[in-house]
Amino acid sequence: MKTKHIQHLYRRIGFGILPATLNKLSKKSEKAIINEMFESSKKFTPLEIDISELTAIYSSIIKKESTLDSETRKKLQQLGRKKQIEFNIAWVDRLTNTPEILREKMTLFWANHFVCEDSTISYIKNFNNTLRKHALGDFRAFVNAVSKEASMTKYLNTKQNKKQKPNENFARELMELFTLGVGYYSEEDIKESAKAFTGYSHNLKGDFVFRKARHDDGEKTFFGKTGNFSGEDIIDIILEQKQCAKYICGKIYRYFVNDLIDENHVNEMANVFYKDYNIENVMRYMLTSGWFYNDQNIGSKIKSPIEFIVGLKTIVPTDFKNPKQLLYIQKLLGQILLNPPNVAGWKGGKSWIDSNTIVLRLKLPSLLLNNAYISKEKLGEVDEYAQAKKEAFKKKYGKRFKTVANWEYFNTQFKNVAISDFQKHVLACEVSESAKAYLQSLEKVSKKEYCVQLMSLPEYQMC
């Protein structure tokens, strides 16, 4: 397997690859590399943080069968916000440091597919780990599990879906966003399927509860079939439609291959997926297909803010003295984990870049890794205009970011990499002529400075 193809593979199913790992894998066959990748992600390791204090409060309320007083409610809200920040940071750390890299990248993908938002940290944690658990498993079981999660029954109002007054929110999004896409169902299908999900609820702990008294157990007609359908039956009927397999494969293709769809490739994937709805099988098919490694797919995608942050931390491990600053950066870049913009999630692609975010993206490596200093020196001369702009930018952002970059780790990992070879390790695509000229002027700088400069190029935005 070619070196550039291994790098492409690891940029798409992870956040990059370090020289030692690349050298090790370059001696193996494509089959062995792919097999090892899936094998390392067989294990499911839940993402956990300590929420015992919150759990104790809820347990006390349940035990006493009491209602929340204003003081306790306020305390729960404060603790909840604190723990949500903690879980966000723990998720970024997991993405940066995990042997189960494919499972974790898939979890990030599914979080923007089965979009959900909540304020209760125990529900958030459970939902996130449900995504992680099913990320490479059976899609049918996955959809059913998501439909019964406390966060989802709250977010899309299934909890309020009763026989006497059906709520259609979940039924609509189930088809429009989660399984089929717009235009492949009727308004009547939404109304009928909503009846099948009546009674879905949860208890205070977040465990699924089916409230039979609220369930409509009459006949429903859905996609031309009539019966006393349950929520599980509705999901089964949806998955019978090959459009479901094509829709999911289209989203996988856009995320992992290219924003521009190749219908033939997506149809190939859909044929594989439709057989058994096994996510691992379709991912394996995609990653072993020759077209996945076509030149037009390499370095063709704009990194999401999280991919940008985690990719940077992969090369140079970086800790924030104030963890909240990590969330602040996510906000500035336009993607806060656990806080999607709406039920459709982030659009991705070109939407990640605008006049504000591109400036920050280009400066961020220096802000985080080099004490907000961007070298513009050449042959002992200082670009005073660039220096002034640097100071202005530092004033706007730099003081907010207090980080510790582990350059010792970087030096160890890149010890045997010549500066002339750095570009292929850091960038996914070829650089422009002007960038080439600029990089040539930096040949005598340190590896550290050269790396920061590579990360400060527009080409670093691509993966």
Protein backbone atom coordinates (compact mmCIF):
# COMPACT_ATOMS: atom_id res chain seq x y z
CA MET A 1 0.00 0.00 0.00
CA LYS A 2 1.43 3.38 -1.00
CA THR A 3 2.50 5.74 1.77
CA LYS A 4 0.18 8.51 0.55
CA HIS A 5 -2.75 6.09 0.58
CA ILE A 6 -2.05 5.04 4.17
CA GLN A 7 -1.91 8.70 5.15
CA HIS A 8 -5.17 9.38 3.30
CA LEU A 9 -6.81 6.43 5.03
CA TYR A 10 -5.77 7.62 8.49
CA ARG A 11 -6.77 11.21 7.84
CA ARG A 12 -10.26 10.07 6.92
CA ILE A 13 -10.86 7.35 9.51
CA GLY A 14 -8.88 9.24 12.13
CA PHE A 15 -7.07 12.55 12.44
CA GLY A 16 -3.71 11.83 10.88
CA ILE A 17 -0.84 9.40 11.36
CA LEU A 18 2.57 9.83 13.00
CA PRO A 19 5.82 8.87 11.22
CA ALA A 20 6.59 5.76 13.32
CA THR A 21 3.13 4.29 12.74
CA LEU A 22 3.32 5.15 9.05
CA ASN A 23 6.71 3.42 8.70
CA LYS A 24 5.38 0.35 10.46
CA LEU A 25 2.26 0.10 8.31
CA SER A 26 4.09 0.79 5.05
CA LYS A 27 5.62 -2.67 5.34
CA LYS A 28 2.18 -4.34 5.46
CA SER A 29 -0.39 -5.18 2.82
CA GLU A 30 -3.60 -3.20 2.35
CA LYS A 31 -5.62 -6.18 3.62
CA ALA A 32 -3.55 -6.41 6.81
CA ILE A 33 -3.79 -2.66 7.45
CA ILE A 34 -7.56 -2.60 7.01
CA ASN A 35 -8.05 -5.73 9.11
CA GLU A 36 -5.94 -4.30 11.97
CA MET A 37 -7.95 -1.08 11.85
CA PHE A 38 -11.26 -2.88 12.26
CA GLU A 39 -9.83 -5.26 14.83
CA SER A 40 -8.60 -2.37 16.99
CA SER A 41 -12.11 -0.91 16.94
CA LYS A 42 -13.95 -4.13 17.80
CA LYS A 43 -13.87 -3.17 21.45
CA PHE A 44 -16.42 -0.70 22.79
CA THR A 45 -15.12 1.50 25.59
CA PRO A 46 -17.80 3.83 27.02
CA LEU A 47 -16.80 7.44 27.55
CA GLU A 48 -17.27 8.17 31.25
CA ILE A 49 -16.99 11.13 33.60
CA ASP A 50 -17.83 11.27 37.30
CA ILE A 51 -21.49 12.25 37.72
CA SER A 52 -21.94 10.57 41.12
CA GLU A 53 -22.93 13.84 42.82
CA LEU A 54 -25.76 14.38 40.33
CA THR A 55 -26.80 10.74 40.54
CA ALA A 56 -26.98 10.93 44.33
CA ILE A 57 -29.31 13.95 44.15
CA TYR A 58 -31.61 12.25 41.64
CA SER A 59 -31.61 9.02 43.66
CA SER A 60 -32.64 10.96 46.76
CA ILE A 61 -35.52 12.57 44.87
CA ILE A 62 -36.70 9.21 43.54
CA LYS A 63 -36.39 7.54 46.94
CA LYS A 64 -38.35 10.26 48.71
CA GLU A 65 -40.80 10.57 45.79
CA SER A 66 -40.42 14.32 46.14
CA THR A 67 -40.44 17.12 43.60
CA LEU A 68 -37.53 19.43 42.84
CA ASP A 69 -37.39 22.57 44.96
CA SER A 70 -35.92 25.70 43.39
CA GLU A 71 -32.60 25.47 45.25
CA THR A 72 -32.02 21.84 44.26
CA ARG A 73 -33.04 22.58 40.67
CA LYS A 74 -30.52 25.43 40.51
CA LYS A 75 -27.77 23.21 41.92
CA LEU A 76 -28.58 20.50 39.38
CA GLN A 77 -28.45 23.00 36.53
CA GLN A 78 -25.07 24.37 37.64
CA LEU A 79 -23.60 20.90 38.09
CA GLY A 80 -25.08 19.81 34.79
CA ARG A 81 -23.48 22.68 32.86
CA LYS A 82 -20.13 21.98 34.53
CA LYS A 83 -20.31 18.28 33.69
CA GLN A 84 -21.36 18.96 30.12
CA ILE A 85 -18.18 20.99 29.63
CA GLU A 86 -16.21 18.17 31.25
CA PHE A 87 -17.78 15.62 28.91
CA ASN A 88 -17.01 17.77 25.87
CA ILE A 89 -13.34 17.94 26.87
CA ALA A 90 -13.28 14.21 27.64
CA TRP A 91 -14.64 13.52 24.15
CA VAL A 92 -11.93 15.62 22.49
CA ASP A 93 -9.31 13.82 24.59
CA ARG A 94 -10.77 10.46 23.54
CA LEU A 95 -10.62 11.44 19.87
CA THR A 96 -6.99 12.45 20.33
CA ASN A 97 -5.91 9.38 22.29
CA THR A 98 -7.60 6.09 21.47
CA PRO A 99 -6.68 2.76 19.88
CA GLU A 100 -10.33 2.46 18.76
CA ILE A 101 -9.87 5.24 16.22
CA LEU A 102 -12.35 4.05 13.58
CA ARG A 103 -15.10 3.54 16.18
CA GLU A 104 -14.45 7.02 17.56
CA LYS A 105 -14.47 8.68 14.12
CA MET A 106 -17.71 6.84 13.35
CA THR A 107 -19.16 8.07 16.66
CA LEU A 108 -18.35 11.63 15.57
CA PHE A 109 -20.05 10.94 12.23
CA TRP A 110 -23.20 9.46 13.79
CA ALA A 111 -23.44 12.36 16.25
CA ASN A 112 -24.09 14.59 13.24
CA HIS A 113 -26.55 12.10 11.77
CA PHE A 114 -28.69 11.14 14.76
CA VAL A 115 -28.59 14.73 15.94
CA CYS A 116 -29.72 15.30 19.50
CA GLU A 117 -29.26 17.92 22.20
CA ASP A 118 -29.95 17.73 25.91
CA SER A 119 -29.15 19.48 29.17
CA THR A 120 -29.18 16.40 31.42
CA ILE A 121 -25.62 15.07 31.54
CA SER A 122 -26.58 11.47 32.38
CA TYR A 123 -28.84 11.38 29.31
CA ILE A 124 -26.16 13.05 27.19
CA LYS A 125 -23.58 10.49 28.30
CA ASN A 126 -25.91 7.57 27.65
CA PHE A 127 -26.84 8.83 24.19
CA ASN A 128 -23.22 9.45 23.24
CA ASN A 129 -22.25 5.95 24.33
CA THR A 130 -25.18 4.47 22.41
CA LEU A 131 -23.72 6.10 19.29
CA ARG A 132 -20.32 4.67 20.20
CA LYS A 133 -21.68 1.18 20.93
CA HIS A 134 -23.56 0.83 17.65
CA ALA A 135 -21.16 2.86 15.49
CA LEU A 136 -19.95 -0.18 13.53
CA GLY A 137 -22.79 -2.58 14.23
CA ASP A 138 -26.28 -3.39 12.97
CA PHE A 139 -28.07 -0.30 11.67
CA ARG A 140 -31.52 -1.72 12.48
CA ALA A 141 -30.59 -2.20 16.13
CA PHE A 142 -28.94 1.24 16.05
CA VAL A 143 -32.09 3.07 14.92
CA ASN A 144 -34.21 1.23 17.49
CA ALA A 145 -31.74 2.05 20.26
CA VAL A 146 -31.67 5.74 19.31
CA SER A 147 -35.48 5.90 19.20
CA LYS A 148 -35.60 4.76 22.84
CA GLU A 149 -32.90 7.01 24.25
CA ALA A 150 -34.09 9.52 26.86
CA SER A 151 -32.33 12.39 25.07
CA MET A 152 -34.10 11.60 21.81
CA THR A 153 -37.54 11.11 23.35
CA LYS A 154 -37.10 14.55 24.92
CA TYR A 155 -35.50 16.30 21.95
CA LEU A 156 -38.05 15.22 19.35
CA ASN A 157 -41.02 15.12 21.75
CA THR A 158 -41.75 11.39 21.60
CA LYS A 159 -42.38 11.65 25.32
CA GLN A 160 -45.40 13.85 24.51
CA ASN A 161 -46.58 11.48 21.76
CA LYS A 162 -49.87 10.06 23.08
CA LYS A 163 -52.77 8.14 21.62
CA GLN A 164 -55.13 11.03 22.34
CA LYS A 165 -52.77 13.61 20.80
CA PRO A 166 -50.00 12.22 18.54
CA ASN A 167 -46.80 14.26 18.18
CA GLU A 168 -45.24 13.82 14.74
CA ASN A 169 -41.77 15.31 15.36
CA PHE A 170 -39.83 12.08 15.78
CA ALA A 171 -41.73 10.25 13.03
CA ARG A 172 -40.94 13.04 10.57
CA GLU A 173 -37.23 13.32 11.41
CA LEU A 174 -36.88 9.53 11.53
CA MET A 175 -37.62 9.46 7.80
CA GLU A 176 -36.41 12.88 6.66
CA LEU A 177 -33.04 12.96 8.46
CA PHE A 178 -32.28 9.54 9.93
CA THR A 179 -33.25 6.98 7.26
CA LEU A 180 -34.70 8.09 3.90
CA GLY A 181 -34.21 11.75 3.08
CA VAL A 182 -36.71 14.34 1.88
CA GLY A 183 -39.38 13.26 -0.59
CA TYR A 184 -39.49 9.52 0.03
CA TYR A 185 -42.57 9.44 2.26
CA SER A 186 -45.96 11.12 2.49
CA GLU A 187 -47.56 13.28 5.16
CA GLU A 188 -49.94 10.39 5.78
CA ASP A 189 -46.95 8.09 6.40
CA ILE A 190 -45.76 10.54 9.06
CA LYS A 191 -49.16 10.64 10.76
CA GLU A 192 -49.53 6.86 10.76
CA SER A 193 -46.00 6.12 11.94
CA ALA A 194 -46.32 8.69 14.74
CA LYS A 195 -49.15 6.55 16.14
CA ALA A 196 -46.82 3.56 16.28
CA PHE A 197 -44.36 5.45 18.51
CA THR A 198 -46.99 6.58 21.02
CA GLY A 199 -46.11 5.49 24.53
CA TYR A 200 -42.34 5.87 24.13
CA SER A 201 -40.98 7.51 27.27
CA HIS A 202 -38.34 7.22 29.99
CA ASN A 203 -38.00 7.41 33.74
CA LEU A 204 -35.92 9.89 35.73
CA LYS A 205 -32.84 7.68 35.44
CA GLY A 206 -33.14 7.82 31.67
CA ASP A 207 -34.20 4.19 31.21
CA PHE A 208 -36.66 3.52 28.39
CA VAL A 209 -40.27 3.06 29.49
CA PHE A 210 -43.12 1.98 27.24
CA ARG A 211 -46.34 3.46 28.60
CA LYS A 212 -48.94 1.09 27.23
CA ALA A 213 -51.89 3.26 28.27
CA ARG A 214 -50.63 6.04 25.96
CA HIS A 215 -50.02 3.73 22.99
CA ASP A 216 -52.32 3.63 19.99
CA ASP A 217 -52.81 -0.09 19.42
CA GLY A 218 -55.15 0.34 16.47
CA GLU A 219 -54.37 -0.40 12.84
CA LYS A 220 -51.98 1.89 10.94
CA THR A 221 -51.33 2.06 7.21
CA PHE A 222 -47.70 2.82 6.45
CA PHE A 223 -45.96 2.59 3.07
CA GLY A 224 -48.94 0.65 1.71
CA LYS A 225 -48.94 -1.91 4.52
CA THR A 226 -51.67 -2.16 7.18
CA GLY A 227 -51.35 -3.63 10.64
CA ASN A 228 -51.15 -2.98 14.35
CA PHE A 229 -47.63 -1.64 13.95
CA SER A 230 -45.22 -0.84 16.78
CA GLY A 231 -42.27 1.52 16.55
CA GLU A 232 -40.00 -1.43 15.77
CA ASP A 233 -42.34 -2.48 12.94
CA ILE A 234 -42.17 0.99 11.42
CA ILE A 235 -38.37 0.88 11.45
CA ASP A 236 -38.44 -2.57 9.82
CA ILE A 237 -40.69 -1.30 7.01
CA ILE A 238 -38.46 1.73 6.46
CA LEU A 239 -35.38 -0.45 6.15
CA GLU A 240 -37.16 -2.54 3.53
CA GLN A 241 -36.88 0.51 1.25
CA LYS A 242 -33.57 0.42 -0.62
CA GLN A 243 -33.64 4.22 -0.50
CA CYS A 244 -32.68 3.90 3.18
CA ALA A 245 -29.45 2.06 2.30
CA LYS A 246 -28.68 4.58 -0.46
CA TYR A 247 -29.38 7.58 1.77
CA ILE A 248 -27.10 6.36 4.58
CA CYS A 249 -24.35 5.40 2.14
CA GLY A 250 -24.60 8.83 0.53
CA LYS A 251 -23.98 10.48 3.89
CA ILE A 252 -21.08 8.12 4.67
CA TYR A 253 -19.58 8.87 1.24
CA ARG A 254 -19.80 12.64 1.73
CA TYR A 255 -18.19 12.40 5.15
CA PHE A 256 -15.39 9.94 4.41
CA VAL A 257 -14.77 10.23 0.65
CA ASN A 258 -15.84 13.45 -1.08
CA ASP A 259 -18.49 16.14 -0.76
CA LEU A 260 -19.23 15.58 -4.45
CA ILE A 261 -21.24 12.38 -4.78
CA ASP A 262 -20.31 9.72 -7.32
CA GLU A 263 -23.63 7.92 -7.82
CA ASN A 264 -21.98 4.73 -9.09
CA HIS A 265 -19.83 4.43 -5.97
CA VAL A 266 -22.74 5.16 -3.65
CA ASN A 267 -24.88 2.57 -5.43
CA GLU A 268 -22.09 0.02 -4.97
CA MET A 269 -22.07 0.76 -1.25
CA ALA A 270 -25.87 0.65 -1.04
CA ASN A 271 -25.93 -2.80 -2.63
CA VAL A 272 -23.60 -4.03 0.11
CA PHE A 273 -25.41 -2.24 2.93
CA TYR A 274 -28.93 -3.28 1.88
CA LYS A 275 -28.09 -6.98 2.24
CA ASP A 276 -27.89 -6.89 6.05
CA TYR A 277 -27.51 -3.25 7.15
CA ASN A 278 -24.18 -4.11 8.73
CA ILE A 279 -22.22 -0.87 9.12
CA GLU A 280 -18.82 -2.58 9.42
CA ASN A 281 -19.37 -4.41 6.13
CA VAL A 282 -20.16 -1.28 4.14
CA MET A 283 -17.28 0.63 5.74
CA ARG A 284 -14.90 -2.22 4.92
CA TYR A 285 -16.17 -2.24 1.32
CA MET A 286 -15.59 1.51 1.01
CA LEU A 287 -12.12 1.48 2.53
CA THR A 288 -10.95 -1.41 0.31
CA SER A 289 -12.37 0.08 -2.91
CA GLY A 290 -9.80 1.48 -5.33
CA TRP A 291 -11.84 4.64 -5.87
CA PHE A 292 -11.49 5.59 -2.18
CA TYR A 293 -7.81 6.30 -2.92
CA ASN A 294 -8.33 8.16 -6.21
CA ASP A 295 -6.29 11.36 -6.43
CA GLN A 296 -9.44 13.52 -6.66
CA ASN A 297 -10.47 12.26 -3.21
CA ILE A 298 -7.14 12.93 -1.48
CA GLY A 299 -6.97 16.29 0.28
CA SER A 300 -10.39 17.18 -1.11
CA LYS A 301 -12.35 17.80 2.08
CA ILE A 302 -12.33 20.80 4.39
CA LYS A 303 -11.61 19.77 7.97
CA SER A 304 -14.39 20.29 10.45
CA PRO A 305 -13.39 22.40 13.49
CA ILE A 306 -13.09 19.24 15.59
CA GLU A 307 -10.98 17.53 12.92
CA PHE A 308 -8.80 20.65 12.80
CA ILE A 309 -8.34 20.80 16.58
CA VAL A 310 -7.76 17.06 17.08
CA GLY A 311 -5.43 16.86 14.06
CA LEU A 312 -3.30 19.63 15.51
CA LYS A 313 -3.24 17.96 18.94
CA THR A 314 -2.26 14.66 17.30
CA ILE A 315 0.94 16.18 15.90
CA VAL A 316 1.71 18.40 18.90
CA PRO A 317 -0.16 17.37 22.08
CA THR A 318 -1.58 20.56 23.52
CA ASP A 319 -3.25 21.07 26.90
CA PHE A 320 -5.38 24.05 27.84
CA LYS A 321 -4.67 25.55 31.26
CA ASN A 322 -8.29 26.67 31.32
CA PRO A 323 -10.35 23.83 29.77
CA LYS A 324 -13.21 26.22 28.97
CA GLN A 325 -10.96 27.80 26.36
CA LEU A 326 -11.24 24.62 24.31
CA LEU A 327 -14.99 25.18 24.11
CA TYR A 328 -14.40 28.83 23.27
CA ILE A 329 -12.28 27.80 20.29
CA GLN A 330 -14.99 25.38 19.18
CA LYS A 331 -17.47 28.25 19.35
CA LEU A 332 -15.23 30.58 17.35
CA LEU A 333 -14.69 27.92 14.69
CA GLY A 334 -18.39 27.04 14.50
CA GLN A 335 -18.72 23.54 15.99
CA ILE A 336 -19.34 22.94 19.69
CA LEU A 337 -19.59 19.25 20.49
CA LEU A 338 -22.93 18.32 22.11
CA ASN A 339 -24.43 21.62 20.92
CA PRO A 340 -25.66 21.18 17.32
CA PRO A 341 -27.23 24.17 15.53
CA ASN A 342 -30.50 22.30 14.84
CA VAL A 343 -31.90 18.81 14.26
CA ALA A 344 -30.23 18.69 10.82
CA GLY A 345 -26.81 19.18 12.40
CA TRP A 346 -23.82 20.94 10.85
CA LYS A 347 -23.85 21.24 7.05
CA GLY A 348 -20.11 20.62 6.74
CA GLY A 349 -18.09 21.16 3.57
CA LYS A 350 -17.64 24.78 2.50
CA SER A 351 -19.92 25.96 5.32
CA TRP A 352 -17.02 25.45 7.74
CA ILE A 353 -15.17 28.38 6.18
CA ASP A 354 -16.15 32.03 6.15
CA SER A 355 -14.25 35.33 6.36
CA ASN A 356 -13.98 35.09 10.15
CA THR A 357 -13.21 31.41 10.63
CA ILE A 358 -10.55 31.25 7.91
CA VAL A 359 -8.54 34.03 9.58
CA LEU A 360 -8.71 32.25 12.93
CA ARG A 361 -7.88 28.86 11.38
CA LEU A 362 -4.75 30.28 9.75
CA LYS A 363 -3.59 31.95 12.97
CA LEU A 364 -4.65 29.28 15.47
CA PRO A 365 -1.56 27.03 15.18
CA SER A 366 0.66 29.94 16.20
CA LEU A 367 -1.73 31.04 18.92
CA LEU A 368 -1.81 27.61 20.50
CA LEU A 369 1.65 26.26 19.75
CA ASN A 370 3.99 29.22 19.42
CA ASN A 371 2.85 31.80 21.94
CA ALA A 372 0.92 33.68 19.25
CA TYR A 373 4.10 34.35 17.32
CA ILE A 374 4.06 33.93 13.54
CA SER A 375 7.46 34.18 11.93
CA LYS A 376 7.61 36.56 8.96
CA GLU A 377 11.34 37.03 9.12
CA LYS A 378 13.54 36.46 6.10
CA LEU A 379 17.27 37.03 5.99
CA GLY A 380 17.13 39.00 9.22
CA GLU A 381 14.42 41.38 8.02
CA VAL A 382 11.13 41.91 9.84
CA ASP A 383 7.85 42.52 7.99
CA GLU A 384 6.58 45.41 10.11
CA TYR A 385 3.08 45.25 8.60
CA ALA A 386 2.84 41.55 9.39
CA GLN A 387 4.21 42.20 12.88
CA ALA A 388 1.53 44.84 13.49
CA LYS A 389 -1.20 42.52 12.28
CA LYS A 390 0.19 39.77 14.53
CA GLU A 391 0.01 42.05 17.56
CA ALA A 392 -3.55 43.10 16.69
CA PHE A 393 -4.62 39.49 16.31
CA LYS A 394 -2.88 38.50 19.52
CA LYS A 395 -4.73 41.29 21.31
CA LYS A 396 -8.04 39.98 19.98
CA TYR A 397 -7.48 36.27 20.62
CA GLY A 398 -4.05 35.44 22.01
CA LYS A 399 -4.56 36.45 25.63
CA ARG A 400 -7.57 34.16 25.79
CA PHE A 401 -5.54 31.05 25.02
CA LYS A 402 -3.17 29.66 27.63
CA THR A 403 -1.79 26.36 26.45
CA VAL A 404 1.09 23.99 27.07
CA ALA A 405 2.40 22.38 23.88
CA ASN A 406 4.36 19.15 24.28
CA TRP A 407 7.20 19.87 21.87
CA GLU A 408 9.31 17.14 23.45
CA TYR A 409 6.78 14.58 22.21
CA PHE A 410 6.81 16.23 18.78
CA ASN A 411 10.62 16.15 18.62
CA THR A 412 10.62 12.45 19.52
CA GLN A 413 7.99 11.57 16.92
CA PHE A 414 9.64 13.59 14.13
CA LYS A 415 13.26 13.00 15.13
CA ASN A 416 14.07 11.07 11.94
CA VAL A 417 11.99 13.23 9.59
CA ALA A 418 13.91 15.76 7.52
CA ILE A 419 12.41 19.23 7.12
CA SER A 420 12.16 18.58 3.39
CA ASP A 421 9.78 15.67 4.18
CA PHE A 422 7.61 17.50 6.71
CA GLN A 423 5.11 18.66 4.13
CA LYS A 424 3.88 15.17 3.29
CA HIS A 425 3.38 14.38 6.99
CA VAL A 426 1.46 17.55 7.82
CA LEU A 427 -0.43 18.43 4.62
CA ALA A 428 -2.88 16.29 2.67
CA CYS A 429 -2.64 18.17 -0.63
CA GLU A 430 -0.10 19.93 -2.81
CA VAL A 431 0.69 23.54 -1.96
CA SER A 432 0.35 26.55 -4.24
CA GLU A 433 3.35 28.09 -6.01
CA SER A 434 3.36 31.07 -3.65
CA ALA A 435 3.31 28.72 -0.65
CA LYS A 436 6.18 26.72 -2.14
CA ALA A 437 8.26 29.89 -2.47
CA TYR A 438 7.46 30.87 1.11
CA LEU A 439 8.36 27.43 2.46
CA GLN A 440 11.66 27.45 0.58
CA SER A 441 12.55 30.66 2.42
CA LEU A 442 12.08 28.81 5.72
CA GLU A 443 14.50 25.95 5.08
CA LYS A 444 16.89 27.07 7.82
CA VAL A 445 14.29 27.36 10.60
CA SER A 446 13.71 24.70 13.25
CA LYS A 447 11.38 21.75 12.76
CA LYS A 448 9.10 23.28 15.35
CA GLU A 449 8.81 26.57 13.49
CA TYR A 450 8.48 24.84 10.12
CA CYS A 451 5.64 22.69 11.43
CA VAL A 452 3.78 25.75 12.76
CA GLN A 453 4.18 27.45 9.38
CA LEU A 454 2.83 24.41 7.53
CA MET A 455 -0.19 24.38 9.84
CA SER A 456 -0.71 28.07 9.11
CA LEU A 457 -1.17 27.49 5.37
CA PRO A 458 -4.60 27.35 3.67
CA GLU A 459 -3.67 23.83 2.50
CA TYR A 460 -3.69 22.64 6.12
CA GLN A 461 -7.45 23.18 6.15
CA MET A 462 -7.86 20.18 3.85
CA CYS A 463 -7.83 16.49 4.65
